[in-house]
Amino acid sequence: MLRLSIIIPLERNSRLLYDCWFCVLDNRPACTEVLVFLDDQYDDPYDLHDEVQFVSARGANRAAAFNAGLRAASGEYVHLLRCGVEATAGWADAALARFQDRGVAAVAPAVHHRQEPEKRLHQGVTVRRGVRRLAQNEKRSAVIGPAVQGGFFRRAALEQVGGLAEDLGLCADADLLLRLTAAGWSSTTASDSGLLARQDPRPRGLK
């Protein structure tokens, strides 16, 4: 069995696709497959078919593409990675090391600002008074697991709880993590696992 499946959802902005893909391919560990889900025809101008498995997911939103990736994945662990988020050297190995604890279902890497790498954007998701928020510091916030932007998961745990809800938008990650907790799984953080991302506009909380 492969150790890791990296699932990258559809994204219409080709520049974001390429930034994400090439960083992953340059930094991925051994025994890893990369699955990219597209909602349009792709001509593979960089001839990546030997390194990337392209799958059609017409009309699927991001959560649906992740769930399709989960069904197609072969790895014991899966990494759900949003297009435009860039991997750094050693990011996957640092996160996978946390799964030595057999009770851990999810690992939250540290997401840093793409233009200002010293600035941490977040270290996962927290829920306060029923509202989903992104936590900048895992020591000061009750982080319940990784944001859907870039999280590592034990595939068996995701299959047990049914994957991501496809109708909750940005709050699908909090919903998934709460269901994993209710099923008896735990989550943890990996500050030495680094991703680079743009800073998105802060969404309003959804209870």
N, C-alpha and C. Protein backbone atom coordinates (compact mmCIF):
# COMPACT_ATOMS: atom_id res chain seq x y z
N MET A 1 0.84 -1.20 0.00
CA MET A 1 0.00 0.00 0.00
C MET A 1 0.87 1.25 0.00
N LEU A 2 0.45 2.25 -0.79
CA LEU A 2 1.13 3.53 -0.74
C LEU A 2 0.95 4.16 0.64
N ARG A 3 1.93 4.95 1.04
CA ARG A 3 1.82 5.58 2.35
C ARG A 3 0.94 6.84 2.30
N LEU A 4 1.07 7.65 1.24
CA LEU A 4 0.40 8.94 1.21
C LEU A 4 -0.25 9.19 -0.14
N SER A 5 -1.48 9.68 -0.13
CA SER A 5 -2.17 10.16 -1.32
C SER A 5 -2.41 11.65 -1.14
N ILE A 6 -1.93 12.46 -2.08
CA ILE A 6 -2.13 13.90 -2.04
C ILE A 6 -3.25 14.24 -3.01
N ILE A 7 -4.33 14.82 -2.49
CA ILE A 7 -5.52 15.10 -3.29
C ILE A 7 -5.65 16.61 -3.48
N ILE A 8 -5.62 17.04 -4.74
CA ILE A 8 -5.71 18.46 -5.08
C ILE A 8 -6.98 18.67 -5.88
N PRO A 9 -7.86 19.54 -5.41
CA PRO A 9 -9.17 19.70 -6.08
C PRO A 9 -9.08 20.56 -7.32
N LEU A 10 -10.16 20.59 -8.06
CA LEU A 10 -10.27 21.41 -9.25
C LEU A 10 -10.05 22.89 -8.91
N GLU A 11 -9.55 23.61 -9.89
CA GLU A 11 -9.32 25.05 -9.74
C GLU A 11 -9.19 25.64 -11.14
N ARG A 12 -9.98 26.66 -11.45
CA ARG A 12 -9.97 27.21 -12.80
C ARG A 12 -8.75 28.09 -13.08
N ASN A 13 -8.09 28.58 -12.07
CA ASN A 13 -6.92 29.44 -12.26
C ASN A 13 -5.69 28.55 -12.49
N SER A 14 -5.24 28.43 -13.73
CA SER A 14 -4.16 27.50 -14.06
C SER A 14 -2.86 27.87 -13.36
N ARG A 15 -2.61 29.16 -13.12
CA ARG A 15 -1.38 29.54 -12.45
C ARG A 15 -1.34 28.97 -11.04
N LEU A 16 -2.47 29.01 -10.34
CA LEU A 16 -2.52 28.44 -9.00
C LEU A 16 -2.31 26.94 -9.05
N LEU A 17 -2.86 26.30 -10.07
CA LEU A 17 -2.66 24.86 -10.23
C LEU A 17 -1.19 24.53 -10.33
N TYR A 18 -0.50 25.22 -11.22
CA TYR A 18 0.90 24.89 -11.47
C TYR A 18 1.78 25.20 -10.26
N ASP A 19 1.54 26.34 -9.60
CA ASP A 19 2.32 26.66 -8.40
C ASP A 19 2.20 25.54 -7.37
N CYS A 20 0.99 25.06 -7.18
CA CYS A 20 0.71 24.01 -6.21
C CYS A 20 1.34 22.69 -6.64
N TRP A 21 1.09 22.28 -7.88
CA TRP A 21 1.56 20.98 -8.35
C TRP A 21 3.07 20.86 -8.29
N PHE A 22 3.78 21.87 -8.82
CA PHE A 22 5.22 21.75 -8.92
C PHE A 22 5.90 21.74 -7.55
N CYS A 23 5.36 22.51 -6.59
CA CYS A 23 5.91 22.47 -5.23
C CYS A 23 5.70 21.09 -4.61
N VAL A 24 4.54 20.49 -4.85
CA VAL A 24 4.26 19.16 -4.33
C VAL A 24 5.20 18.14 -4.95
N LEU A 25 5.34 18.17 -6.26
CA LEU A 25 6.18 17.19 -6.95
C LEU A 25 7.65 17.33 -6.55
N ASP A 26 8.09 18.57 -6.29
CA ASP A 26 9.49 18.79 -5.90
C ASP A 26 9.78 18.33 -4.48
N ASN A 27 8.76 18.33 -3.62
CA ASN A 27 9.00 18.08 -2.18
C ASN A 27 8.33 16.83 -1.62
N ARG A 28 7.60 16.08 -2.43
CA ARG A 28 6.86 14.92 -1.92
C ARG A 28 7.82 13.82 -1.46
N PRO A 29 7.43 13.07 -0.44
CA PRO A 29 8.24 11.94 0.00
C PRO A 29 8.04 10.74 -0.91
N ALA A 30 8.82 9.69 -0.68
CA ALA A 30 8.66 8.46 -1.45
C ALA A 30 7.33 7.80 -1.11
N CYS A 31 6.89 6.88 -1.96
CA CYS A 31 5.64 6.14 -1.76
C CYS A 31 4.44 7.08 -1.66
N THR A 32 4.38 8.03 -2.61
CA THR A 32 3.31 9.02 -2.62
C THR A 32 2.67 9.07 -3.99
N GLU A 33 1.34 9.17 -4.03
CA GLU A 33 0.64 9.42 -5.29
C GLU A 33 0.00 10.80 -5.22
N VAL A 34 -0.13 11.44 -6.39
CA VAL A 34 -0.74 12.76 -6.48
C VAL A 34 -1.95 12.65 -7.39
N LEU A 35 -3.13 13.01 -6.87
CA LEU A 35 -4.37 12.96 -7.64
C LEU A 35 -4.92 14.38 -7.78
N VAL A 36 -5.16 14.78 -9.02
CA VAL A 36 -5.68 16.11 -9.30
C VAL A 36 -7.04 15.97 -9.96
N PHE A 37 -8.04 16.65 -9.41
CA PHE A 37 -9.41 16.56 -9.89
C PHE A 37 -9.78 17.83 -10.64
N LEU A 38 -10.18 17.68 -11.89
CA LEU A 38 -10.44 18.80 -12.78
C LEU A 38 -11.88 18.80 -13.25
N ASP A 39 -12.44 20.00 -13.45
CA ASP A 39 -13.80 20.09 -13.95
C ASP A 39 -13.83 20.51 -15.42
N ASP A 40 -12.68 20.46 -16.07
CA ASP A 40 -12.61 20.84 -17.48
C ASP A 40 -11.52 19.99 -18.15
N GLN A 41 -11.50 20.04 -19.46
CA GLN A 41 -10.49 19.27 -20.20
C GLN A 41 -9.11 19.83 -19.90
N TYR A 42 -8.12 18.93 -19.77
CA TYR A 42 -6.76 19.36 -19.48
C TYR A 42 -5.82 18.67 -20.46
N ASP A 43 -4.97 19.45 -21.14
CA ASP A 43 -4.12 18.92 -22.20
C ASP A 43 -2.75 18.46 -21.71
N ASP A 44 -2.45 18.67 -20.41
CA ASP A 44 -1.18 18.23 -19.83
C ASP A 44 0.03 18.74 -20.61
N PRO A 45 0.18 20.08 -20.73
CA PRO A 45 1.28 20.63 -21.52
C PRO A 45 2.66 20.34 -20.94
N TYR A 46 2.72 20.02 -19.66
CA TYR A 46 4.01 19.73 -19.03
C TYR A 46 4.31 18.23 -18.96
N ASP A 47 3.44 17.42 -19.58
CA ASP A 47 3.65 15.98 -19.67
C ASP A 47 3.86 15.37 -18.27
N LEU A 48 2.85 15.59 -17.40
CA LEU A 48 2.95 15.13 -16.02
C LEU A 48 2.21 13.82 -15.77
N HIS A 49 1.69 13.18 -16.81
CA HIS A 49 0.82 12.02 -16.60
C HIS A 49 1.52 10.86 -15.90
N ASP A 50 2.86 10.81 -15.97
CA ASP A 50 3.58 9.75 -15.26
C ASP A 50 3.71 10.03 -13.77
N GLU A 51 3.50 11.29 -13.36
CA GLU A 51 3.66 11.67 -11.96
C GLU A 51 2.36 12.08 -11.29
N VAL A 52 1.36 12.42 -12.09
CA VAL A 52 0.09 12.91 -11.56
C VAL A 52 -1.04 12.13 -12.19
N GLN A 53 -2.01 11.74 -11.38
CA GLN A 53 -3.21 11.08 -11.89
C GLN A 53 -4.30 12.13 -12.03
N PHE A 54 -4.70 12.42 -13.26
CA PHE A 54 -5.74 13.41 -13.52
C PHE A 54 -7.09 12.72 -13.59
N VAL A 55 -8.06 13.26 -12.85
CA VAL A 55 -9.39 12.66 -12.78
C VAL A 55 -10.43 13.74 -13.07
N SER A 56 -11.40 13.42 -13.91
CA SER A 56 -12.47 14.36 -14.23
C SER A 56 -13.47 14.42 -13.08
N ALA A 57 -13.85 15.64 -12.70
CA ALA A 57 -14.86 15.84 -11.65
C ALA A 57 -15.75 17.00 -12.06
N ARG A 58 -16.41 16.85 -13.17
CA ARG A 58 -17.21 17.95 -13.73
C ARG A 58 -18.35 18.34 -12.78
N GLY A 59 -18.44 19.65 -12.54
CA GLY A 59 -19.53 20.17 -11.72
C GLY A 59 -19.35 19.99 -10.23
N ALA A 60 -18.24 19.40 -9.79
CA ALA A 60 -18.05 19.14 -8.36
C ALA A 60 -17.51 20.38 -7.66
N ASN A 61 -17.99 20.65 -6.43
CA ASN A 61 -17.37 21.69 -5.64
C ASN A 61 -16.13 21.11 -4.96
N ARG A 62 -15.46 21.94 -4.15
CA ARG A 62 -14.19 21.49 -3.57
C ARG A 62 -14.37 20.27 -2.67
N ALA A 63 -15.39 20.27 -1.84
CA ALA A 63 -15.62 19.14 -0.94
C ALA A 63 -15.94 17.87 -1.72
N ALA A 64 -16.73 18.00 -2.77
CA ALA A 64 -17.07 16.84 -3.60
C ALA A 64 -15.83 16.29 -4.28
N ALA A 65 -14.95 17.19 -4.74
CA ALA A 65 -13.70 16.74 -5.36
C ALA A 65 -12.82 16.01 -4.34
N PHE A 66 -12.77 16.52 -3.10
CA PHE A 66 -12.01 15.84 -2.06
C PHE A 66 -12.57 14.45 -1.80
N ASN A 67 -13.89 14.34 -1.73
CA ASN A 67 -14.51 13.04 -1.48
C ASN A 67 -14.25 12.07 -2.63
N ALA A 68 -14.28 12.58 -3.86
CA ALA A 68 -13.94 11.73 -5.00
C ALA A 68 -12.48 11.29 -4.91
N GLY A 69 -11.62 12.17 -4.46
CA GLY A 69 -10.22 11.81 -4.26
C GLY A 69 -10.05 10.75 -3.19
N LEU A 70 -10.83 10.86 -2.13
CA LEU A 70 -10.77 9.86 -1.07
C LEU A 70 -11.16 8.48 -1.59
N ARG A 71 -12.18 8.43 -2.43
CA ARG A 71 -12.60 7.14 -3.00
C ARG A 71 -11.54 6.56 -3.94
N ALA A 72 -10.78 7.43 -4.60
CA ALA A 72 -9.78 6.97 -5.56
C ALA A 72 -8.42 6.73 -4.93
N ALA A 73 -8.21 7.24 -3.72
CA ALA A 73 -6.88 7.18 -3.09
C ALA A 73 -6.49 5.76 -2.70
N SER A 74 -5.18 5.52 -2.76
CA SER A 74 -4.63 4.22 -2.36
C SER A 74 -3.79 4.31 -1.10
N GLY A 75 -3.45 5.52 -0.66
CA GLY A 75 -2.56 5.69 0.48
C GLY A 75 -3.22 5.43 1.82
N GLU A 76 -2.41 5.04 2.78
CA GLU A 76 -2.91 4.85 4.14
C GLU A 76 -3.33 6.20 4.74
N TYR A 77 -2.63 7.27 4.32
CA TYR A 77 -2.94 8.63 4.77
C TYR A 77 -3.24 9.48 3.55
N VAL A 78 -4.08 10.49 3.72
CA VAL A 78 -4.41 11.39 2.62
C VAL A 78 -4.14 12.83 3.05
N HIS A 79 -3.69 13.60 2.08
CA HIS A 79 -3.42 15.02 2.30
C HIS A 79 -4.35 15.80 1.38
N LEU A 80 -5.31 16.51 1.95
CA LEU A 80 -6.22 17.33 1.18
C LEU A 80 -5.59 18.71 1.03
N LEU A 81 -5.30 19.10 -0.21
CA LEU A 81 -4.53 20.33 -0.44
C LEU A 81 -5.24 21.21 -1.45
N ARG A 82 -5.54 22.42 -1.04
CA ARG A 82 -6.21 23.38 -1.90
C ARG A 82 -5.25 23.93 -2.94
N CYS A 83 -5.73 24.14 -4.16
CA CYS A 83 -4.90 24.74 -5.19
C CYS A 83 -4.43 26.13 -4.77
N GLY A 84 -3.19 26.44 -5.11
CA GLY A 84 -2.62 27.72 -4.72
C GLY A 84 -1.85 27.66 -3.43
N VAL A 85 -2.00 26.57 -2.67
CA VAL A 85 -1.24 26.37 -1.44
C VAL A 85 0.03 25.60 -1.81
N GLU A 86 1.18 26.10 -1.38
CA GLU A 86 2.46 25.54 -1.79
C GLU A 86 3.11 24.75 -0.66
N ALA A 87 3.65 23.59 -1.02
CA ALA A 87 4.35 22.74 -0.06
C ALA A 87 5.78 23.21 0.11
N THR A 88 6.36 22.92 1.28
CA THR A 88 7.76 23.23 1.54
C THR A 88 8.52 21.94 1.82
N ALA A 89 9.83 22.01 1.80
CA ALA A 89 10.66 20.82 1.99
C ALA A 89 10.35 20.14 3.32
N GLY A 90 10.10 18.83 3.28
CA GLY A 90 9.88 18.06 4.50
C GLY A 90 8.51 18.20 5.10
N TRP A 91 7.61 18.93 4.43
CA TRP A 91 6.30 19.21 5.04
C TRP A 91 5.50 17.93 5.29
N ALA A 92 5.56 16.99 4.37
CA ALA A 92 4.74 15.78 4.52
C ALA A 92 5.31 14.84 5.58
N ASP A 93 6.63 14.65 5.58
CA ASP A 93 7.24 13.74 6.56
C ASP A 93 6.99 14.23 7.98
N ALA A 94 7.06 15.55 8.18
CA ALA A 94 6.84 16.09 9.53
C ALA A 94 5.42 15.82 10.01
N ALA A 95 4.46 15.92 9.12
CA ALA A 95 3.06 15.66 9.50
C ALA A 95 2.80 14.16 9.68
N LEU A 96 3.32 13.34 8.79
CA LEU A 96 3.07 11.90 8.86
C LEU A 96 3.64 11.29 10.14
N ALA A 97 4.69 11.89 10.69
CA ALA A 97 5.28 11.37 11.92
C ALA A 97 4.29 11.40 13.08
N ARG A 98 3.31 12.31 13.04
CA ARG A 98 2.34 12.42 14.12
C ARG A 98 1.36 11.23 14.14
N PHE A 99 1.26 10.51 13.02
CA PHE A 99 0.34 9.39 12.97
C PHE A 99 0.89 8.13 13.65
N GLN A 100 2.07 8.22 14.23
CA GLN A 100 2.57 7.10 15.03
C GLN A 100 1.63 6.82 16.19
N ASP A 101 0.94 7.86 16.65
CA ASP A 101 -0.13 7.69 17.64
C ASP A 101 -1.35 7.16 16.89
N ARG A 102 -1.74 5.93 17.14
CA ARG A 102 -2.81 5.29 16.38
C ARG A 102 -4.18 5.90 16.62
N GLY A 103 -4.30 6.74 17.62
CA GLY A 103 -5.58 7.40 17.87
C GLY A 103 -5.76 8.70 17.11
N VAL A 104 -4.70 9.14 16.42
CA VAL A 104 -4.74 10.42 15.69
C VAL A 104 -5.34 10.21 14.31
N ALA A 105 -6.37 10.99 14.00
CA ALA A 105 -7.01 10.91 12.69
C ALA A 105 -6.63 12.07 11.79
N ALA A 106 -6.21 13.21 12.37
CA ALA A 106 -5.95 14.40 11.56
C ALA A 106 -4.78 15.19 12.13
N VAL A 107 -3.99 15.77 11.22
CA VAL A 107 -2.83 16.57 11.61
C VAL A 107 -2.90 17.91 10.88
N ALA A 108 -2.75 18.99 11.63
CA ALA A 108 -2.82 20.34 11.07
C ALA A 108 -1.42 20.91 10.88
N PRO A 109 -0.98 21.12 9.63
CA PRO A 109 0.30 21.79 9.40
C PRO A 109 0.18 23.29 9.67
N ALA A 110 1.30 23.97 9.74
CA ALA A 110 1.30 25.42 9.91
C ALA A 110 1.23 26.07 8.53
N VAL A 111 0.27 26.97 8.35
CA VAL A 111 0.10 27.66 7.06
C VAL A 111 0.64 29.09 7.22
N HIS A 112 1.65 29.41 6.40
CA HIS A 112 2.30 30.71 6.46
C HIS A 112 1.97 31.55 5.24
N HIS A 113 2.18 32.86 5.38
CA HIS A 113 1.91 33.81 4.30
C HIS A 113 2.90 33.58 3.17
N ARG A 114 2.39 33.53 1.96
CA ARG A 114 3.24 33.23 0.81
C ARG A 114 4.33 34.27 0.60
N GLN A 115 3.97 35.56 0.72
CA GLN A 115 4.95 36.64 0.51
C GLN A 115 5.76 36.96 1.77
N GLU A 116 5.22 36.60 2.93
CA GLU A 116 5.92 36.86 4.19
C GLU A 116 5.96 35.54 4.99
N PRO A 117 6.86 34.63 4.63
CA PRO A 117 6.86 33.29 5.24
C PRO A 117 7.00 33.28 6.76
N GLU A 118 7.53 34.35 7.33
CA GLU A 118 7.66 34.39 8.79
C GLU A 118 6.31 34.65 9.46
N LYS A 119 5.31 35.06 8.69
CA LYS A 119 3.99 35.36 9.22
C LYS A 119 3.09 34.11 9.12
N ARG A 120 2.65 33.61 10.25
CA ARG A 120 1.77 32.45 10.25
C ARG A 120 0.32 32.90 10.08
N LEU A 121 -0.35 32.31 9.09
CA LEU A 121 -1.75 32.62 8.87
C LEU A 121 -2.65 31.84 9.82
N HIS A 122 -2.37 30.55 9.94
CA HIS A 122 -3.15 29.75 10.89
C HIS A 122 -2.51 28.39 11.11
N GLN A 123 -2.96 27.74 12.19
CA GLN A 123 -2.49 26.41 12.56
C GLN A 123 -3.69 25.50 12.78
N GLY A 124 -4.73 25.70 11.99
CA GLY A 124 -5.87 24.82 12.09
C GLY A 124 -7.15 25.53 12.47
N VAL A 125 -8.15 24.72 12.75
CA VAL A 125 -9.52 25.20 12.99
C VAL A 125 -9.86 25.10 14.47
N THR A 126 -10.56 26.09 14.96
CA THR A 126 -11.11 26.04 16.31
C THR A 126 -12.60 26.41 16.24
N VAL A 127 -13.36 25.96 17.20
CA VAL A 127 -14.78 26.31 17.27
C VAL A 127 -15.02 26.98 18.62
N ARG A 128 -15.46 28.22 18.58
CA ARG A 128 -15.75 28.97 19.81
C ARG A 128 -17.20 29.41 19.79
N ARG A 129 -17.92 29.06 20.84
CA ARG A 129 -19.34 29.41 20.95
C ARG A 129 -20.10 29.01 19.69
N GLY A 130 -19.73 27.86 19.15
CA GLY A 130 -20.44 27.34 17.99
C GLY A 130 -20.04 27.94 16.66
N VAL A 131 -18.98 28.78 16.63
CA VAL A 131 -18.55 29.44 15.40
C VAL A 131 -17.19 28.91 14.98
N ARG A 132 -17.05 28.56 13.72
CA ARG A 132 -15.78 28.07 13.18
C ARG A 132 -14.83 29.23 12.91
N ARG A 133 -13.60 29.11 13.42
CA ARG A 133 -12.58 30.13 13.21
C ARG A 133 -11.25 29.45 12.89
N LEU A 134 -10.31 30.23 12.32
CA LEU A 134 -8.94 29.76 12.11
C LEU A 134 -8.08 30.24 13.27
N ALA A 135 -7.27 29.33 13.81
CA ALA A 135 -6.43 29.64 14.97
C ALA A 135 -5.00 29.91 14.53
N GLN A 136 -4.43 31.03 14.93
CA GLN A 136 -3.05 31.33 14.57
C GLN A 136 -2.05 30.59 15.44
N ASN A 137 -2.43 30.29 16.67
CA ASN A 137 -1.49 29.67 17.61
C ASN A 137 -2.17 28.50 18.31
N GLU A 138 -1.63 27.30 18.10
CA GLU A 138 -2.26 26.13 18.70
C GLU A 138 -2.17 26.11 20.22
N LYS A 139 -1.24 26.87 20.80
CA LYS A 139 -1.07 26.86 22.25
C LYS A 139 -2.12 27.71 22.95
N ARG A 140 -2.66 28.69 22.23
CA ARG A 140 -3.63 29.60 22.85
C ARG A 140 -5.07 29.27 22.46
N SER A 141 -5.24 28.40 21.51
CA SER A 141 -6.58 28.09 21.04
C SER A 141 -6.81 26.59 21.08
N ALA A 142 -8.05 26.20 21.25
CA ALA A 142 -8.39 24.78 21.27
C ALA A 142 -8.56 24.30 19.83
N VAL A 143 -7.44 24.04 19.16
CA VAL A 143 -7.47 23.60 17.77
C VAL A 143 -8.08 22.21 17.70
N ILE A 144 -9.08 22.04 16.84
CA ILE A 144 -9.72 20.73 16.72
C ILE A 144 -9.20 19.96 15.51
N GLY A 145 -8.33 20.58 14.71
CA GLY A 145 -7.76 19.88 13.57
C GLY A 145 -7.44 20.83 12.43
N PRO A 146 -7.06 20.28 11.27
CA PRO A 146 -6.62 21.10 10.15
C PRO A 146 -7.77 21.74 9.37
N ALA A 147 -7.49 22.89 8.77
CA ALA A 147 -8.43 23.50 7.83
C ALA A 147 -8.40 22.71 6.53
N VAL A 148 -9.50 22.76 5.80
CA VAL A 148 -9.60 22.03 4.55
C VAL A 148 -8.59 22.55 3.53
N GLN A 149 -8.04 23.73 3.78
CA GLN A 149 -7.02 24.31 2.92
C GLN A 149 -5.81 23.39 2.75
N GLY A 150 -5.47 22.65 3.80
CA GLY A 150 -4.34 21.74 3.70
C GLY A 150 -4.20 20.90 4.95
N GLY A 151 -4.85 19.75 5.01
CA GLY A 151 -4.81 18.89 6.19
C GLY A 151 -4.39 17.48 5.85
N PHE A 152 -3.80 16.80 6.82
CA PHE A 152 -3.43 15.39 6.69
C PHE A 152 -4.41 14.55 7.49
N PHE A 153 -4.84 13.41 6.91
CA PHE A 153 -5.84 12.58 7.57
C PHE A 153 -5.50 11.10 7.43
N ARG A 154 -5.91 10.33 8.42
CA ARG A 154 -5.87 8.87 8.32
C ARG A 154 -7.06 8.46 7.45
N ARG A 155 -6.80 7.79 6.35
CA ARG A 155 -7.88 7.50 5.40
C ARG A 155 -8.98 6.66 6.02
N ALA A 156 -8.63 5.70 6.85
CA ALA A 156 -9.65 4.85 7.48
C ALA A 156 -10.61 5.67 8.34
N ALA A 157 -10.09 6.71 8.99
CA ALA A 157 -10.95 7.56 9.83
C ALA A 157 -11.91 8.37 8.97
N LEU A 158 -11.41 8.92 7.86
CA LEU A 158 -12.29 9.67 6.96
C LEU A 158 -13.39 8.78 6.39
N GLU A 159 -13.03 7.57 6.02
CA GLU A 159 -14.02 6.64 5.48
C GLU A 159 -15.06 6.27 6.54
N GLN A 160 -14.61 6.18 7.79
CA GLN A 160 -15.53 5.81 8.87
C GLN A 160 -16.63 6.85 9.05
N VAL A 161 -16.26 8.15 8.93
CA VAL A 161 -17.25 9.20 9.20
C VAL A 161 -17.89 9.76 7.93
N GLY A 162 -17.49 9.24 6.77
CA GLY A 162 -18.17 9.62 5.53
C GLY A 162 -17.60 10.81 4.79
N GLY A 163 -16.37 11.24 5.11
CA GLY A 163 -15.74 12.33 4.37
C GLY A 163 -16.35 13.69 4.67
N LEU A 164 -16.13 14.62 3.74
CA LEU A 164 -16.58 16.01 3.92
C LEU A 164 -18.04 16.19 3.52
N ALA A 165 -18.76 16.99 4.28
CA ALA A 165 -20.11 17.38 3.87
C ALA A 165 -19.98 18.31 2.67
N GLU A 166 -20.75 18.07 1.63
CA GLU A 166 -20.57 18.79 0.38
C GLU A 166 -21.44 20.04 0.27
N ASP A 167 -22.15 20.39 1.32
CA ASP A 167 -23.06 21.54 1.26
C ASP A 167 -22.76 22.59 2.33
N LEU A 168 -21.57 22.52 2.96
CA LEU A 168 -21.26 23.43 4.06
C LEU A 168 -20.18 24.45 3.73
N GLY A 169 -19.65 24.44 2.51
CA GLY A 169 -18.66 25.43 2.13
C GLY A 169 -17.43 25.40 3.02
N LEU A 170 -16.99 26.59 3.47
CA LEU A 170 -15.77 26.70 4.28
C LEU A 170 -15.89 25.98 5.62
N CYS A 171 -17.09 25.76 6.08
CA CYS A 171 -17.27 25.14 7.39
C CYS A 171 -17.27 23.61 7.34
N ALA A 172 -17.03 23.04 6.16
CA ALA A 172 -17.00 21.59 6.04
C ALA A 172 -15.89 20.98 6.88
N ASP A 173 -14.76 21.71 7.04
CA ASP A 173 -13.66 21.15 7.82
C ASP A 173 -14.04 21.03 9.30
N ALA A 174 -14.66 22.07 9.87
CA ALA A 174 -15.07 22.01 11.27
C ALA A 174 -16.08 20.89 11.50
N ASP A 175 -17.02 20.75 10.58
CA ASP A 175 -18.01 19.68 10.69
C ASP A 175 -17.33 18.31 10.67
N LEU A 176 -16.39 18.11 9.75
CA LEU A 176 -15.67 16.84 9.67
C LEU A 176 -14.90 16.56 10.96
N LEU A 177 -14.21 17.56 11.47
CA LEU A 177 -13.39 17.37 12.67
C LEU A 177 -14.26 17.06 13.89
N LEU A 178 -15.41 17.69 13.99
CA LEU A 178 -16.30 17.39 15.11
C LEU A 178 -16.86 15.97 15.00
N ARG A 179 -17.12 15.51 13.78
CA ARG A 179 -17.59 14.13 13.61
C ARG A 179 -16.49 13.13 13.93
N LEU A 180 -15.25 13.46 13.58
CA LEU A 180 -14.13 12.58 13.95
C LEU A 180 -13.98 12.49 15.47
N THR A 181 -14.10 13.63 16.14
CA THR A 181 -14.02 13.65 17.60
C THR A 181 -15.14 12.82 18.22
N ALA A 182 -16.35 12.96 17.70
CA ALA A 182 -17.49 12.20 18.22
C ALA A 182 -17.30 10.70 18.01
N ALA A 183 -16.52 10.34 16.96
CA ALA A 183 -16.27 8.92 16.69
C ALA A 183 -15.10 8.37 17.50
N GLY A 184 -14.50 9.21 18.35
CA GLY A 184 -13.43 8.74 19.23
C GLY A 184 -12.02 9.01 18.74
N TRP A 185 -11.87 9.72 17.64
CA TRP A 185 -10.54 10.04 17.12
C TRP A 185 -10.04 11.35 17.71
N SER A 186 -8.72 11.55 17.65
CA SER A 186 -8.13 12.82 18.09
C SER A 186 -7.40 13.47 16.93
N SER A 187 -7.09 14.76 17.10
CA SER A 187 -6.33 15.52 16.11
C SER A 187 -5.16 16.19 16.80
N THR A 188 -4.15 16.56 16.00
CA THR A 188 -2.98 17.22 16.58
C THR A 188 -2.43 18.21 15.56
N THR A 189 -1.42 18.97 15.95
CA THR A 189 -0.79 19.94 15.07
C THR A 189 0.65 19.54 14.79
N ALA A 190 1.21 20.11 13.70
CA ALA A 190 2.61 19.87 13.35
C ALA A 190 3.20 21.19 12.87
N SER A 191 3.77 21.95 13.80
CA SER A 191 4.31 23.27 13.46
C SER A 191 5.51 23.17 12.53
N ASP A 192 6.17 22.00 12.50
CA ASP A 192 7.31 21.81 11.62
C ASP A 192 6.91 21.33 10.23
N SER A 193 5.62 21.23 9.98
CA SER A 193 5.09 20.93 8.66
C SER A 193 4.55 22.23 8.09
N GLY A 194 5.22 22.79 7.07
CA GLY A 194 4.88 24.12 6.61
C GLY A 194 4.27 24.18 5.22
N LEU A 195 3.21 24.99 5.09
CA LEU A 195 2.59 25.30 3.81
C LEU A 195 2.60 26.82 3.62
N LEU A 196 2.60 27.26 2.37
CA LEU A 196 2.56 28.68 2.04
C LEU A 196 1.28 28.97 1.29
N ALA A 197 0.58 30.05 1.67
CA ALA A 197 -0.71 30.37 1.04
C ALA A 197 -0.92 31.87 0.99
N ARG A 198 -1.82 32.28 0.11
CA ARG A 198 -2.27 33.67 0.11
C ARG A 198 -3.21 33.88 1.30
N GLN A 199 -3.34 35.10 1.73
CA GLN A 199 -4.26 35.41 2.82
C GLN A 199 -5.64 35.69 2.24
N ASP A 200 -6.59 34.81 2.52
CA ASP A 200 -7.95 34.98 2.02
C ASP A 200 -8.69 36.01 2.86
N PRO A 201 -9.70 36.65 2.27
CA PRO A 201 -10.56 37.53 3.07
C PRO A 201 -11.19 36.73 4.22
N ARG A 202 -11.29 37.33 5.38
CA ARG A 202 -11.86 36.63 6.53
C ARG A 202 -13.36 36.45 6.34
N PRO A 203 -13.82 35.19 6.33
CA PRO A 203 -15.27 34.98 6.15
C PRO A 203 -16.02 35.22 7.45
N ARG A 204 -17.30 35.47 7.34
CA ARG A 204 -18.14 35.55 8.53
C ARG A 204 -18.32 34.15 9.09
N GLY A 205 -18.37 34.05 10.43
CA GLY A 205 -18.53 32.75 11.05
C GLY A 205 -19.89 32.14 10.76
N LEU A 206 -19.96 30.84 10.67
CA LEU A 206 -21.22 30.14 10.44
C LEU A 206 -21.45 29.18 11.60
N LYS A 207 -22.54 29.35 12.31
CA LYS A 207 -22.81 28.49 13.44
C LYS A 207 -23.37 27.16 12.95
